[in-house]
Amino acid sequence: MVTRAKTIKIADLAAAIDSAVEANAGRRLPGGTLIGRQIQAALAEKLDANALARSITKQVQGSVPDAKLTPKVVTAGGITTIGFIMKPIKEIIG
């Protein structure tokens, strides 16, 4: 039996994150969603991670021109995430 990869819309993922944050924080917290590729920090040190994040962001921005994307590199626990923060077009602060 072939297993098919599951597809999830970014909007659905963002909504699930918003719901989880609200459930745990007791209120909505404005902000964006960090999306990217995780690699070992040792490998990231050999690359220009910031340039890579800018390039990834530029390429993705071409596919979703209405989204506000900001390049981002985050390193913690030996893992580096290279990608972007996707901010909502309109943030609602409650």
Protein backbone atom coordinates (compact mmCIF):
# COMPACT_ATOMS: atom_id res chain seq x y z
CA MET A 1 0.00 0.00 0.00
CA VAL A 2 1.39 3.38 -1.02
CA THR A 3 1.42 6.12 1.60
CA ARG A 4 0.64 9.56 0.22
CA ALA A 5 2.23 12.65 1.64
CA LYS A 6 -0.19 14.85 3.53
CA THR A 7 -0.66 18.39 2.25
CA ILE A 8 -1.46 21.26 4.57
CA LYS A 9 -2.24 24.84 3.61
CA ILE A 10 -0.07 27.50 5.22
CA ALA A 11 -3.27 29.26 6.35
CA ASP A 12 -4.39 26.06 8.11
CA LEU A 13 -0.99 25.68 9.78
CA ALA A 14 -1.02 29.32 10.93
CA ALA A 15 -4.57 28.89 12.29
CA ALA A 16 -3.54 25.77 14.22
CA ILE A 17 -0.55 27.63 15.71
CA ASP A 18 -2.75 30.63 16.61
CA SER A 19 -5.23 28.30 18.30
CA ALA A 20 -2.51 26.51 20.29
CA VAL A 21 -0.92 29.81 21.38
CA GLU A 22 -4.29 31.19 22.48
CA ALA A 23 -5.15 27.99 24.37
CA ASN A 24 -1.83 28.04 26.24
CA ALA A 25 -1.35 31.80 26.73
CA GLY A 26 -4.99 32.49 27.50
CA ARG A 27 -5.18 35.14 24.76
CA ARG A 28 -4.14 35.87 21.19
CA LEU A 29 -0.55 36.94 20.74
CA PRO A 30 0.25 38.84 17.53
CA GLY A 31 3.17 37.60 15.49
CA GLY A 32 4.35 35.61 12.54
CA THR A 33 5.15 32.01 11.70
CA LEU A 34 8.76 30.87 11.25
CA ILE A 35 9.16 28.58 8.25
CA GLY A 36 12.42 27.16 6.97
CA ARG A 37 14.87 24.32 6.62
CA GLN A 38 16.56 22.92 9.71
CA ILE A 39 20.16 21.82 9.42
CA GLN A 40 22.96 21.06 11.86
CA ALA A 41 24.50 24.24 13.25
CA ALA A 42 27.98 22.98 12.30
CA LEU A 43 26.91 22.84 8.65
CA ALA A 44 25.26 26.28 8.87
CA GLU A 45 28.57 27.74 10.09
CA LYS A 46 30.16 26.68 6.79
CA LEU A 47 27.48 28.51 4.76
CA ASP A 48 26.41 32.11 4.54
CA ALA A 49 23.16 31.32 6.32
CA ASN A 50 21.87 34.90 6.18
CA ALA A 51 22.42 35.12 2.42
CA LEU A 52 20.72 31.75 2.02
CA ALA A 53 17.73 32.93 4.09
CA ARG A 54 17.46 36.08 1.93
CA SER A 55 17.59 33.99 -1.24
CA ILE A 56 14.97 31.52 0.01
CA THR A 57 12.72 34.39 1.05
CA LYS A 58 13.06 36.12 -2.31
CA GLN A 59 12.22 32.93 -4.19
CA VAL A 60 9.19 32.11 -2.02
CA GLN A 61 8.00 35.73 -2.14
CA GLY A 62 7.69 35.34 -5.90
CA SER A 63 5.16 32.54 -5.35
CA VAL A 64 3.16 34.35 -2.67
CA PRO A 65 3.41 38.06 -3.50
CA ASP A 66 0.72 39.12 -0.99
CA ALA A 67 2.52 37.64 2.02
CA LYS A 68 4.94 39.67 4.13
CA LEU A 69 8.09 37.56 4.47
CA THR A 70 11.18 38.48 6.48
CA PRO A 71 14.41 36.43 6.16
CA LYS A 72 15.42 34.77 9.44
CA VAL A 73 18.18 32.51 10.78
CA VAL A 74 17.75 30.97 14.24
CA THR A 75 20.25 28.68 15.97
CA ALA A 76 19.43 26.76 19.15
CA GLY A 77 20.42 23.39 20.54
CA GLY A 78 22.83 22.62 17.71
CA ILE A 79 20.16 23.14 15.03
CA THR A 80 19.91 26.13 12.69
CA THR A 81 16.67 27.09 10.98
CA ILE A 82 17.20 29.02 7.75
CA GLY A 83 14.10 30.57 6.24
CA PHE A 84 11.67 33.38 6.88
CA ILE A 85 9.01 34.71 9.19
CA MET A 86 5.62 34.94 7.54
CA LYS A 87 3.65 37.76 9.11
CA PRO A 88 -0.10 38.05 8.72
CA ILE A 89 -1.24 40.71 6.29
CA LYS A 90 -3.38 42.19 9.05
CA GLU A 91 -2.61 41.44 12.69
CA ILE A 92 -5.45 41.53 15.18
CA ILE A 93 -4.43 42.36 18.73
CA GLY A 94 -6.98 41.21 21.27
